[in-house]
Amino acid sequence: MSRPFPSRHFRSREPLHRRNGKIRAREVRVLDQAKQQLGVLSLNDALRIAYAQGLDLVEIAPTATPPVCRIVDYGKFLYEEAKREKESRSSPSASRMKELQLSAVIDPHDFAVKRDHAIQFLCDDLKVRVKLRFKGRQKAHKEFGFEVVNKFVRDLAAYGQADSPPKMLGDRDLNVVITPLHRDKRGKNPRLTTPPPSAPPAGDSSLT
């Protein structure tokens, strides 16, 4: 009669992130310690790389397809995450948020433009709320909208992390909030790494 109680207690103490043998996906997209992508690997291959370095394989974006995992020291990862959350709560920009609207049938170019906007917002320490509204018959095939949002979250994995898996608000709106990673853990700001356009040579007739 007392067996259900320990199991409920156990579930309430599940770790925040799946790691190593607890990861369920057969394939994962892997980031190394420097957040450089190693590509999509089988779970066994990813675990083999992590173990060879004496590190852990931690699932950081479980809703992405495939899930995104990072090779890190898990204890250090938790410490840095707690530190980042504490700093973000005390930061004046913690409550500042930008919102982006997606569509279940968004054009690839528009998707890329909005992804680049989101990267800049995250690099400016702003949260990003992503909304996708289903219209008409799209509501009968919501899986396509989830695929779009999950890809968006996956593409931003080096810059921000979803506060929770994408979820429906009502029956039309799909929503997810992405919080910027700490600057020490964040990818390089593309705006700062793009070289400025070169000046035209003196006397260039194209300016006249």
N, C-alpha and C. Protein backbone atom coordinates (compact mmCIF):
# COMPACT_ATOMS: atom_id res chain seq x y z
N MET A 1 0.81 -1.21 0.00
CA MET A 1 0.00 0.00 0.00
C MET A 1 0.85 1.27 0.00
N SER A 2 2.08 1.18 0.55
CA SER A 2 2.91 2.37 0.67
C SER A 2 3.82 2.58 -0.53
N ARG A 3 3.78 1.66 -1.51
CA ARG A 3 4.72 1.76 -2.62
C ARG A 3 4.55 3.00 -3.50
N PRO A 4 3.30 3.48 -3.76
CA PRO A 4 3.20 4.65 -4.65
C PRO A 4 3.85 5.91 -4.10
N PHE A 5 3.93 6.04 -2.76
CA PHE A 5 4.43 7.29 -2.19
C PHE A 5 5.91 7.52 -2.50
N PRO A 6 6.79 6.52 -2.33
CA PRO A 6 8.20 6.76 -2.68
C PRO A 6 8.38 7.09 -4.16
N SER A 7 7.56 6.47 -5.05
CA SER A 7 7.73 6.75 -6.47
C SER A 7 7.38 8.18 -6.79
N ARG A 8 6.31 8.74 -6.16
CA ARG A 8 5.98 10.13 -6.39
C ARG A 8 7.09 11.03 -5.87
N HIS A 9 7.66 10.68 -4.73
CA HIS A 9 8.76 11.47 -4.17
C HIS A 9 9.96 11.43 -5.10
N PHE A 10 10.18 10.25 -5.71
CA PHE A 10 11.32 10.11 -6.61
C PHE A 10 11.15 11.01 -7.83
N ARG A 11 9.91 11.02 -8.39
CA ARG A 11 9.69 11.83 -9.58
C ARG A 11 9.87 13.31 -9.30
N SER A 12 9.52 13.73 -8.08
CA SER A 12 9.64 15.15 -7.75
C SER A 12 11.09 15.59 -7.62
N ARG A 13 12.00 14.62 -7.52
CA ARG A 13 13.40 14.96 -7.36
C ARG A 13 14.20 14.62 -8.61
N GLU A 14 13.51 14.46 -9.74
CA GLU A 14 14.23 14.21 -10.98
C GLU A 14 15.16 15.38 -11.31
N PRO A 15 16.31 15.12 -11.88
CA PRO A 15 17.24 16.21 -12.21
C PRO A 15 16.64 17.14 -13.25
N LEU A 16 17.18 18.34 -13.32
CA LEU A 16 16.67 19.33 -14.27
C LEU A 16 17.00 18.95 -15.70
N HIS A 17 18.08 18.22 -15.88
CA HIS A 17 18.51 17.85 -17.23
C HIS A 17 18.77 16.35 -17.30
N ARG A 18 18.36 15.74 -18.41
CA ARG A 18 18.77 14.35 -18.64
C ARG A 18 20.24 14.36 -19.02
N ARG A 19 20.96 13.36 -18.57
CA ARG A 19 22.38 13.29 -18.91
C ARG A 19 22.83 11.85 -19.02
N ASN A 20 23.86 11.67 -19.83
CA ASN A 20 24.47 10.36 -20.02
C ASN A 20 23.43 9.28 -20.33
N GLY A 21 23.38 8.23 -19.52
CA GLY A 21 22.49 7.12 -19.80
C GLY A 21 21.01 7.42 -19.64
N LYS A 22 20.66 8.58 -19.09
CA LYS A 22 19.25 8.95 -18.92
C LYS A 22 18.66 9.58 -20.19
N ILE A 23 19.51 9.94 -21.15
CA ILE A 23 19.03 10.53 -22.40
C ILE A 23 18.33 9.44 -23.21
N ARG A 24 17.16 9.77 -23.74
CA ARG A 24 16.32 8.76 -24.39
C ARG A 24 16.46 8.72 -25.91
N ALA A 25 16.90 9.81 -26.51
CA ALA A 25 16.94 9.86 -27.97
C ALA A 25 18.03 8.94 -28.52
N ARG A 26 17.80 8.43 -29.70
CA ARG A 26 18.80 7.58 -30.34
C ARG A 26 19.89 8.42 -31.02
N GLU A 27 19.50 9.59 -31.51
CA GLU A 27 20.44 10.52 -32.13
C GLU A 27 20.33 11.87 -31.46
N VAL A 28 21.45 12.58 -31.35
CA VAL A 28 21.46 13.90 -30.71
C VAL A 28 22.37 14.82 -31.49
N ARG A 29 22.06 16.12 -31.41
CA ARG A 29 22.96 17.14 -31.98
C ARG A 29 23.90 17.56 -30.86
N VAL A 30 25.19 17.48 -31.10
CA VAL A 30 26.18 17.61 -30.02
C VAL A 30 26.95 18.93 -30.13
N LEU A 31 27.06 19.62 -28.99
CA LEU A 31 27.93 20.78 -28.86
C LEU A 31 29.07 20.41 -27.91
N ASP A 32 30.28 20.85 -28.22
CA ASP A 32 31.39 20.57 -27.31
C ASP A 32 31.45 21.62 -26.21
N GLN A 33 32.50 21.59 -25.40
CA GLN A 33 32.61 22.53 -24.27
C GLN A 33 32.60 23.98 -24.74
N ALA A 34 33.15 24.22 -25.92
CA ALA A 34 33.21 25.59 -26.46
C ALA A 34 31.96 25.94 -27.24
N LYS A 35 30.94 25.08 -27.18
CA LYS A 35 29.66 25.26 -27.86
C LYS A 35 29.78 25.21 -29.37
N GLN A 36 30.84 24.54 -29.85
CA GLN A 36 30.99 24.30 -31.28
C GLN A 36 30.24 23.03 -31.65
N GLN A 37 29.51 23.06 -32.76
CA GLN A 37 28.71 21.90 -33.14
C GLN A 37 29.60 20.78 -33.67
N LEU A 38 29.35 19.59 -33.16
CA LEU A 38 30.02 18.39 -33.65
C LEU A 38 29.14 17.62 -34.62
N GLY A 39 27.91 18.12 -34.81
CA GLY A 39 26.99 17.47 -35.74
C GLY A 39 26.02 16.54 -35.04
N VAL A 40 25.23 15.85 -35.85
CA VAL A 40 24.26 14.87 -35.33
C VAL A 40 24.95 13.52 -35.23
N LEU A 41 24.96 12.98 -34.02
CA LEU A 41 25.63 11.71 -33.75
C LEU A 41 24.67 10.74 -33.09
N SER A 42 24.97 9.46 -33.20
CA SER A 42 24.21 8.49 -32.42
C SER A 42 24.50 8.73 -30.94
N LEU A 43 23.56 8.38 -30.11
CA LEU A 43 23.75 8.59 -28.67
C LEU A 43 25.00 7.87 -28.18
N ASN A 44 25.24 6.66 -28.67
CA ASN A 44 26.42 5.90 -28.23
C ASN A 44 27.72 6.61 -28.59
N ASP A 45 27.77 7.15 -29.82
CA ASP A 45 28.99 7.86 -30.24
C ASP A 45 29.19 9.12 -29.41
N ALA A 46 28.09 9.84 -29.13
CA ALA A 46 28.20 11.06 -28.33
C ALA A 46 28.66 10.74 -26.91
N LEU A 47 28.13 9.68 -26.35
CA LEU A 47 28.54 9.27 -25.00
C LEU A 47 30.01 8.85 -25.00
N ARG A 48 30.43 8.18 -26.05
CA ARG A 48 31.82 7.73 -26.13
C ARG A 48 32.78 8.93 -26.14
N ILE A 49 32.42 9.98 -26.88
CA ILE A 49 33.26 11.18 -26.92
C ILE A 49 33.30 11.85 -25.55
N ALA A 50 32.13 11.96 -24.90
CA ALA A 50 32.08 12.61 -23.59
C ALA A 50 32.90 11.83 -22.56
N TYR A 51 32.73 10.51 -22.54
CA TYR A 51 33.45 9.69 -21.56
C TYR A 51 34.95 9.73 -21.80
N ALA A 52 35.36 9.81 -23.07
CA ALA A 52 36.79 9.85 -23.39
C ALA A 52 37.43 11.11 -22.83
N GLN A 53 36.63 12.17 -22.65
CA GLN A 53 37.14 13.43 -22.11
C GLN A 53 36.88 13.55 -20.61
N GLY A 54 36.31 12.50 -20.01
CA GLY A 54 36.00 12.54 -18.59
C GLY A 54 34.89 13.51 -18.26
N LEU A 55 33.97 13.72 -19.22
CA LEU A 55 32.90 14.70 -19.05
C LEU A 55 31.54 14.04 -19.18
N ASP A 56 30.49 14.84 -19.07
CA ASP A 56 29.12 14.35 -19.16
C ASP A 56 28.48 14.82 -20.45
N LEU A 57 27.51 14.07 -20.91
CA LEU A 57 26.66 14.47 -22.03
C LEU A 57 25.34 14.95 -21.43
N VAL A 58 25.05 16.25 -21.57
CA VAL A 58 23.89 16.87 -20.94
C VAL A 58 22.91 17.35 -22.00
N GLU A 59 21.66 16.98 -21.85
CA GLU A 59 20.61 17.39 -22.78
C GLU A 59 20.17 18.81 -22.44
N ILE A 60 20.41 19.76 -23.33
CA ILE A 60 20.08 21.17 -23.03
C ILE A 60 18.87 21.67 -23.81
N ALA A 61 18.48 20.97 -24.87
CA ALA A 61 17.29 21.36 -25.62
C ALA A 61 16.51 20.09 -25.98
N PRO A 62 15.77 19.54 -25.01
CA PRO A 62 15.12 18.25 -25.22
C PRO A 62 14.01 18.28 -26.26
N THR A 63 13.43 19.45 -26.56
CA THR A 63 12.32 19.50 -27.51
C THR A 63 12.78 19.67 -28.95
N ALA A 64 14.06 19.91 -29.15
CA ALA A 64 14.57 20.05 -30.52
C ALA A 64 14.57 18.69 -31.21
N THR A 65 14.63 18.70 -32.54
CA THR A 65 14.65 17.46 -33.31
C THR A 65 15.89 17.43 -34.20
N PRO A 66 16.92 16.62 -33.88
CA PRO A 66 17.02 15.81 -32.66
C PRO A 66 17.37 16.68 -31.45
N PRO A 67 17.24 16.13 -30.23
CA PRO A 67 17.58 16.92 -29.04
C PRO A 67 19.03 17.41 -29.09
N VAL A 68 19.26 18.59 -28.49
CA VAL A 68 20.60 19.17 -28.46
C VAL A 68 21.26 18.81 -27.13
N CYS A 69 22.46 18.29 -27.20
CA CYS A 69 23.21 17.92 -26.01
C CYS A 69 24.57 18.61 -26.03
N ARG A 70 25.09 18.83 -24.83
CA ARG A 70 26.40 19.48 -24.73
C ARG A 70 27.33 18.63 -23.87
N ILE A 71 28.58 18.57 -24.27
CA ILE A 71 29.59 17.84 -23.51
C ILE A 71 30.20 18.80 -22.50
N VAL A 72 29.95 18.54 -21.21
CA VAL A 72 30.41 19.44 -20.15
C VAL A 72 30.65 18.63 -18.88
N ASP A 73 31.26 19.30 -17.90
CA ASP A 73 31.29 18.79 -16.54
C ASP A 73 29.95 19.18 -15.91
N TYR A 74 29.14 18.20 -15.55
CA TYR A 74 27.77 18.50 -15.12
C TYR A 74 27.73 19.34 -13.85
N GLY A 75 28.62 19.07 -12.91
CA GLY A 75 28.65 19.87 -11.69
C GLY A 75 28.95 21.33 -11.99
N LYS A 76 29.93 21.56 -12.85
CA LYS A 76 30.27 22.92 -13.24
C LYS A 76 29.14 23.55 -14.04
N PHE A 77 28.48 22.74 -14.87
CA PHE A 77 27.35 23.23 -15.66
C PHE A 77 26.23 23.74 -14.76
N LEU A 78 25.89 22.97 -13.72
CA LEU A 78 24.84 23.40 -12.79
C LEU A 78 25.23 24.66 -12.04
N TYR A 79 26.50 24.74 -11.63
CA TYR A 79 26.97 25.92 -10.91
C TYR A 79 26.86 27.17 -11.79
N GLU A 80 27.32 27.05 -13.04
CA GLU A 80 27.28 28.20 -13.94
C GLU A 80 25.84 28.58 -14.27
N GLU A 81 24.98 27.59 -14.39
CA GLU A 81 23.58 27.88 -14.71
C GLU A 81 22.91 28.62 -13.55
N ALA A 82 23.18 28.14 -12.32
CA ALA A 82 22.61 28.82 -11.15
C ALA A 82 23.15 30.24 -11.04
N LYS A 83 24.43 30.41 -11.33
CA LYS A 83 25.04 31.75 -11.28
C LYS A 83 24.42 32.65 -12.33
N ARG A 84 24.20 32.10 -13.53
CA ARG A 84 23.61 32.88 -14.60
C ARG A 84 22.18 33.31 -14.25
N GLU A 85 21.41 32.39 -13.67
CA GLU A 85 20.04 32.72 -13.31
C GLU A 85 20.01 33.80 -12.23
N LYS A 86 20.93 33.72 -11.28
CA LYS A 86 20.99 34.73 -10.23
C LYS A 86 21.34 36.09 -10.81
N GLU A 87 22.31 36.11 -11.73
CA GLU A 87 22.70 37.37 -12.34
C GLU A 87 21.59 37.94 -13.22
N SER A 88 20.87 37.06 -13.91
CA SER A 88 19.80 37.54 -14.79
C SER A 88 18.65 38.13 -13.98
N ARG A 89 18.40 37.56 -12.79
CA ARG A 89 17.33 38.11 -11.94
C ARG A 89 17.71 39.50 -11.42
N SER A 90 19.00 39.70 -11.17
CA SER A 90 19.44 40.99 -10.63
C SER A 90 19.75 42.01 -11.73
N SER A 91 19.78 41.56 -12.98
CA SER A 91 20.12 42.44 -14.08
C SER A 91 18.92 43.29 -14.46
N PRO A 92 19.12 44.59 -14.74
CA PRO A 92 18.01 45.45 -15.17
C PRO A 92 17.32 44.96 -16.44
N SER A 93 18.07 44.22 -17.27
CA SER A 93 17.49 43.77 -18.53
C SER A 93 16.74 42.45 -18.39
N ALA A 94 16.72 41.88 -17.16
CA ALA A 94 16.10 40.56 -16.99
C ALA A 94 14.63 40.58 -17.36
N SER A 95 13.95 41.71 -17.12
CA SER A 95 12.53 41.78 -17.39
C SER A 95 12.24 42.28 -18.81
N ARG A 96 13.27 42.63 -19.57
CA ARG A 96 13.09 43.14 -20.92
C ARG A 96 12.97 41.98 -21.90
N MET A 97 12.00 42.08 -22.77
CA MET A 97 11.73 40.96 -23.66
C MET A 97 11.32 41.47 -25.04
N LYS A 98 11.78 40.77 -26.06
CA LYS A 98 11.36 41.03 -27.42
C LYS A 98 10.48 39.88 -27.88
N GLU A 99 9.57 40.18 -28.76
CA GLU A 99 8.65 39.15 -29.25
C GLU A 99 8.78 39.00 -30.76
N LEU A 100 8.80 37.74 -31.21
CA LEU A 100 8.86 37.43 -32.63
C LEU A 100 7.70 36.52 -33.00
N GLN A 101 7.10 36.79 -34.15
CA GLN A 101 5.98 35.99 -34.64
C GLN A 101 6.45 35.09 -35.77
N LEU A 102 6.13 33.81 -35.67
CA LEU A 102 6.43 32.85 -36.72
C LEU A 102 5.13 32.34 -37.32
N SER A 103 5.25 31.61 -38.41
CA SER A 103 4.11 30.98 -39.05
C SER A 103 4.43 29.52 -39.31
N ALA A 104 3.41 28.69 -39.29
CA ALA A 104 3.62 27.27 -39.56
C ALA A 104 4.09 27.03 -40.99
N VAL A 105 3.87 28.01 -41.89
CA VAL A 105 4.30 27.88 -43.29
C VAL A 105 5.27 29.01 -43.65
N ILE A 106 6.11 29.37 -42.69
CA ILE A 106 7.02 30.50 -42.89
C ILE A 106 8.02 30.21 -44.00
N ASP A 107 8.30 31.22 -44.79
CA ASP A 107 9.29 31.12 -45.86
C ASP A 107 10.69 30.96 -45.25
N PRO A 108 11.55 30.12 -45.83
CA PRO A 108 12.90 29.93 -45.28
C PRO A 108 13.68 31.23 -45.10
N HIS A 109 13.53 32.16 -46.04
CA HIS A 109 14.24 33.44 -45.91
C HIS A 109 13.72 34.23 -44.71
N ASP A 110 12.39 34.29 -44.55
CA ASP A 110 11.82 34.99 -43.40
C ASP A 110 12.24 34.32 -42.09
N PHE A 111 12.30 32.99 -42.11
CA PHE A 111 12.74 32.25 -40.92
C PHE A 111 14.16 32.67 -40.55
N ALA A 112 15.04 32.74 -41.55
CA ALA A 112 16.44 33.10 -41.29
C ALA A 112 16.55 34.53 -40.77
N VAL A 113 15.75 35.44 -41.33
CA VAL A 113 15.79 36.83 -40.88
C VAL A 113 15.37 36.92 -39.41
N LYS A 114 14.29 36.24 -39.05
CA LYS A 114 13.81 36.30 -37.67
C LYS A 114 14.76 35.59 -36.72
N ARG A 115 15.40 34.53 -37.21
CA ARG A 115 16.42 33.86 -36.39
C ARG A 115 17.58 34.81 -36.10
N ASP A 116 18.01 35.56 -37.11
CA ASP A 116 19.12 36.50 -36.92
C ASP A 116 18.71 37.62 -35.96
N HIS A 117 17.45 38.07 -36.05
CA HIS A 117 16.97 39.07 -35.10
C HIS A 117 17.02 38.52 -33.68
N ALA A 118 16.58 37.28 -33.52
CA ALA A 118 16.57 36.66 -32.19
C ALA A 118 17.98 36.55 -31.64
N ILE A 119 18.95 36.19 -32.49
CA ILE A 119 20.34 36.08 -32.04
C ILE A 119 20.84 37.43 -31.53
N GLN A 120 20.51 38.51 -32.25
CA GLN A 120 20.94 39.84 -31.81
C GLN A 120 20.29 40.22 -30.49
N PHE A 121 19.00 39.91 -30.33
CA PHE A 121 18.32 40.21 -29.07
C PHE A 121 18.98 39.46 -27.91
N LEU A 122 19.28 38.18 -28.12
CA LEU A 122 19.90 37.38 -27.07
C LEU A 122 21.30 37.90 -26.75
N CYS A 123 22.03 38.33 -27.77
CA CYS A 123 23.37 38.88 -27.55
C CYS A 123 23.30 40.22 -26.82
N ASP A 124 22.14 40.87 -26.87
CA ASP A 124 21.93 42.12 -26.13
C ASP A 124 21.31 41.85 -24.76
N ASP A 125 21.34 40.59 -24.32
CA ASP A 125 20.83 40.18 -23.01
C ASP A 125 19.32 40.39 -22.88
N LEU A 126 18.60 40.19 -23.97
CA LEU A 126 17.15 40.31 -23.95
C LEU A 126 16.53 38.93 -24.11
N LYS A 127 15.47 38.68 -23.37
CA LYS A 127 14.71 37.47 -23.58
C LYS A 127 13.94 37.59 -24.89
N VAL A 128 13.62 36.44 -25.47
CA VAL A 128 12.87 36.43 -26.72
C VAL A 128 11.64 35.53 -26.55
N ARG A 129 10.46 36.12 -26.75
CA ARG A 129 9.24 35.33 -26.75
C ARG A 129 8.89 35.01 -28.21
N VAL A 130 8.76 33.74 -28.49
CA VAL A 130 8.44 33.29 -29.84
C VAL A 130 6.99 32.80 -29.84
N LYS A 131 6.21 33.37 -30.75
CA LYS A 131 4.81 32.97 -30.87
C LYS A 131 4.52 32.49 -32.29
N LEU A 132 3.73 31.46 -32.37
CA LEU A 132 3.28 30.96 -33.66
C LEU A 132 1.77 30.77 -33.58
N ARG A 133 1.05 31.43 -34.44
CA ARG A 133 -0.42 31.34 -34.44
C ARG A 133 -0.89 30.44 -35.58
N PHE A 134 -1.71 29.45 -35.22
CA PHE A 134 -2.29 28.56 -36.21
C PHE A 134 -3.54 29.20 -36.79
N LYS A 135 -3.65 29.16 -38.11
CA LYS A 135 -4.79 29.75 -38.79
C LYS A 135 -5.52 28.70 -39.60
N GLY A 136 -6.86 28.76 -39.56
CA GLY A 136 -7.68 27.87 -40.38
C GLY A 136 -7.35 26.41 -40.22
N ARG A 137 -7.06 25.75 -41.35
CA ARG A 137 -6.82 24.31 -41.32
C ARG A 137 -5.48 23.94 -40.68
N GLN A 138 -4.61 24.95 -40.43
CA GLN A 138 -3.34 24.65 -39.76
C GLN A 138 -3.57 24.06 -38.37
N LYS A 139 -4.71 24.39 -37.77
CA LYS A 139 -4.99 23.88 -36.42
C LYS A 139 -5.17 22.37 -36.40
N ALA A 140 -5.44 21.78 -37.56
CA ALA A 140 -5.60 20.33 -37.64
C ALA A 140 -4.25 19.63 -37.80
N HIS A 141 -3.19 20.40 -38.05
CA HIS A 141 -1.85 19.81 -38.24
C HIS A 141 -0.83 20.63 -37.46
N LYS A 142 -1.02 20.69 -36.16
CA LYS A 142 -0.16 21.51 -35.32
C LYS A 142 1.27 21.00 -35.25
N GLU A 143 1.48 19.75 -35.68
CA GLU A 143 2.84 19.21 -35.61
C GLU A 143 3.80 20.02 -36.48
N PHE A 144 3.28 20.62 -37.56
CA PHE A 144 4.15 21.42 -38.43
C PHE A 144 4.61 22.69 -37.71
N GLY A 145 3.70 23.29 -36.94
CA GLY A 145 4.07 24.46 -36.16
C GLY A 145 5.10 24.12 -35.10
N PHE A 146 4.91 22.98 -34.44
CA PHE A 146 5.88 22.56 -33.43
C PHE A 146 7.25 22.33 -34.07
N GLU A 147 7.28 21.78 -35.28
CA GLU A 147 8.56 21.56 -35.96
C GLU A 147 9.26 22.89 -36.23
N VAL A 148 8.50 23.91 -36.63
CA VAL A 148 9.09 25.22 -36.91
C VAL A 148 9.68 25.81 -35.64
N VAL A 149 8.91 25.79 -34.54
CA VAL A 149 9.37 26.39 -33.29
C VAL A 149 10.55 25.61 -32.72
N ASN A 150 10.49 24.29 -32.79
CA ASN A 150 11.60 23.49 -32.27
C ASN A 150 12.88 23.75 -33.06
N LYS A 151 12.76 23.92 -34.38
CA LYS A 151 13.94 24.25 -35.20
C LYS A 151 14.47 25.63 -34.81
N PHE A 152 13.58 26.56 -34.54
CA PHE A 152 14.00 27.90 -34.14
C PHE A 152 14.79 27.83 -32.83
N VAL A 153 14.27 27.07 -31.86
CA VAL A 153 14.96 26.91 -30.58
C VAL A 153 16.31 26.24 -30.78
N ARG A 154 16.35 25.23 -31.64
CA ARG A 154 17.60 24.52 -31.88
C ARG A 154 18.65 25.44 -32.52
N ASP A 155 18.22 26.26 -33.45
CA ASP A 155 19.16 27.17 -34.12
C ASP A 155 19.72 28.22 -33.18
N LEU A 156 19.04 28.46 -32.05
CA LEU A 156 19.49 29.47 -31.08
C LEU A 156 20.20 28.84 -29.89
N ALA A 157 20.47 27.54 -29.94
CA ALA A 157 21.00 26.83 -28.77
C ALA A 157 22.33 27.40 -28.28
N ALA A 158 23.12 27.99 -29.17
CA ALA A 158 24.42 28.55 -28.76
C ALA A 158 24.28 29.92 -28.13
N TYR A 159 23.08 30.48 -28.16
CA TYR A 159 22.86 31.84 -27.65
C TYR A 159 21.84 31.91 -26.52
N GLY A 160 20.89 31.01 -26.50
CA GLY A 160 19.85 31.05 -25.48
C GLY A 160 19.23 29.68 -25.27
N GLN A 161 18.50 29.57 -24.18
CA GLN A 161 17.88 28.31 -23.81
C GLN A 161 16.41 28.52 -23.49
N ALA A 162 15.56 27.64 -24.00
CA ALA A 162 14.13 27.75 -23.74
C ALA A 162 13.85 27.55 -22.25
N ASP A 163 13.02 28.43 -21.69
CA ASP A 163 12.67 28.30 -20.27
C ASP A 163 11.88 27.02 -20.01
N SER A 164 11.11 26.58 -21.00
CA SER A 164 10.33 25.36 -20.91
C SER A 164 10.01 24.92 -22.33
N PRO A 165 9.57 23.68 -22.53
CA PRO A 165 9.23 23.25 -23.89
C PRO A 165 8.12 24.11 -24.48
N PRO A 166 8.09 24.28 -25.80
CA PRO A 166 7.00 25.05 -26.42
C PRO A 166 5.65 24.48 -26.02
N LYS A 167 4.70 25.36 -25.75
CA LYS A 167 3.38 24.89 -25.32
C LYS A 167 2.30 25.78 -25.89
N MET A 168 1.11 25.22 -25.96
CA MET A 168 -0.04 25.93 -26.51
C MET A 168 -0.63 26.87 -25.46
N LEU A 169 -1.00 28.07 -25.92
CA LEU A 169 -1.78 29.01 -25.14
C LEU A 169 -3.14 29.10 -25.81
N GLY A 170 -4.13 28.45 -25.23
CA GLY A 170 -5.41 28.33 -25.91
C GLY A 170 -5.32 27.29 -27.01
N ASP A 171 -6.12 27.45 -28.07
CA ASP A 171 -6.11 26.45 -29.14
C ASP A 171 -5.46 26.96 -30.42
N ARG A 172 -4.90 28.20 -30.39
CA ARG A 172 -4.34 28.76 -31.62
C ARG A 172 -2.88 29.18 -31.49
N ASP A 173 -2.42 29.49 -30.31
CA ASP A 173 -1.10 30.09 -30.15
C ASP A 173 -0.10 29.13 -29.51
N LEU A 174 1.02 28.94 -30.19
CA LEU A 174 2.14 28.16 -29.68
C LEU A 174 3.19 29.15 -29.17
N ASN A 175 3.71 28.90 -27.98
CA ASN A 175 4.54 29.92 -27.32
C ASN A 175 5.76 29.28 -26.66
N VAL A 176 6.90 29.99 -26.73
CA VAL A 176 8.09 29.59 -25.99
C VAL A 176 8.90 30.84 -25.69
N VAL A 177 9.53 30.87 -24.51
CA VAL A 177 10.37 31.99 -24.11
C VAL A 177 11.82 31.50 -24.05
N ILE A 178 12.71 32.24 -24.70
CA ILE A 178 14.13 31.87 -24.75
C ILE A 178 14.92 32.90 -23.96
N THR A 179 15.69 32.42 -22.99
CA THR A 179 16.50 33.27 -22.13
C THR A 179 17.95 33.24 -22.60
N PRO A 180 18.61 34.39 -22.69
CA PRO A 180 20.01 34.39 -23.16
C PRO A 180 20.93 33.63 -22.22
N LEU A 181 21.87 32.91 -22.80
CA LEU A 181 22.91 32.27 -22.00
C LEU A 181 23.83 33.34 -21.42
N HIS A 182 24.54 32.96 -20.38
CA HIS A 182 25.53 33.87 -19.81
C HIS A 182 26.56 34.20 -20.88
N ARG A 183 27.10 35.41 -20.82
CA ARG A 183 28.03 35.86 -21.85
C ARG A 183 29.24 34.94 -22.00
N ASP A 184 29.67 34.31 -20.90
CA ASP A 184 30.82 33.42 -20.98
C ASP A 184 30.47 32.12 -21.68
N LYS A 185 29.18 31.80 -21.77
CA LYS A 185 28.75 30.53 -22.37
C LYS A 185 28.10 30.74 -23.73
N ARG A 186 27.93 31.98 -24.12
CA ARG A 186 27.19 32.33 -25.32
C ARG A 186 28.10 32.31 -26.55
N GLY A 187 27.53 31.99 -27.70
CA GLY A 187 28.27 32.07 -28.95
C GLY A 187 28.65 33.50 -29.28
N LYS A 188 29.57 33.66 -30.20
CA LYS A 188 30.04 34.99 -30.57
C LYS A 188 28.92 35.79 -31.25
N ASN A 189 28.88 37.05 -30.96
CA ASN A 189 27.88 37.93 -31.56
C ASN A 189 28.23 38.13 -33.04
N PRO A 190 27.38 37.68 -33.96
CA PRO A 190 27.69 37.83 -35.39
C PRO A 190 27.90 39.30 -35.78
N ARG A 191 27.23 40.21 -35.12
CA ARG A 191 27.36 41.62 -35.45
C ARG A 191 28.77 42.13 -35.19
N LEU A 192 29.46 41.51 -34.22
CA LEU A 192 30.81 41.95 -33.87
C LEU A 192 31.88 41.21 -34.64
N THR A 193 31.49 40.11 -35.30
CA THR A 193 32.48 39.31 -36.03
C THR A 193 32.40 39.53 -37.52
N THR A 194 31.35 40.21 -37.99
CA THR A 194 31.23 40.48 -39.42
C THR A 194 32.13 41.65 -39.81
N PRO A 195 33.07 41.48 -40.73
CA PRO A 195 33.97 42.57 -41.09
C PRO A 195 33.21 43.69 -41.77
N PRO A 196 33.58 44.95 -41.52
CA PRO A 196 32.91 46.07 -42.16
C PRO A 196 33.18 46.07 -43.64
N PRO A 197 32.26 46.60 -44.44
CA PRO A 197 32.50 46.64 -45.90
C PRO A 197 33.72 47.51 -46.21
N SER A 198 34.50 47.04 -47.17
CA SER A 198 35.71 47.78 -47.52
C SER A 198 35.34 49.05 -48.27
N ALA A 199 36.13 50.11 -48.06
CA ALA A 199 35.87 51.38 -48.73
C ALA A 199 36.28 51.27 -50.19
N PRO A 200 35.54 51.91 -51.09
CA PRO A 200 35.92 51.87 -52.51
C PRO A 200 37.23 52.62 -52.72
N PRO A 201 37.99 52.24 -53.70
CA PRO A 201 39.27 52.91 -53.97
C PRO A 201 39.04 54.37 -54.33
N ALA A 202 40.04 55.19 -54.06
CA ALA A 202 39.95 56.62 -54.35
C ALA A 202 39.69 56.83 -55.82
N GLY A 203 38.80 57.78 -56.10
CA GLY A 203 38.50 58.10 -57.48
C GLY A 203 37.58 57.12 -58.15
N ASP A 204 36.90 56.26 -57.36
CA ASP A 204 35.95 55.29 -57.95
C ASP A 204 34.82 56.04 -58.63
N SER A 205 34.66 55.83 -59.94
CA SER A 205 33.65 56.57 -60.70
C SER A 205 32.25 56.16 -60.34
N SER A 206 32.07 55.01 -59.62
CA SER A 206 30.73 54.55 -59.27
C SER A 206 30.08 55.47 -58.28
N LEU A 207 30.85 56.35 -57.62
CA LEU A 207 30.29 57.26 -56.63
C LEU A 207 29.84 58.56 -57.27
N THR A 208 30.10 58.72 -58.53
CA THR A 208 29.75 59.97 -59.19
C THR A 208 28.56 59.78 -60.11
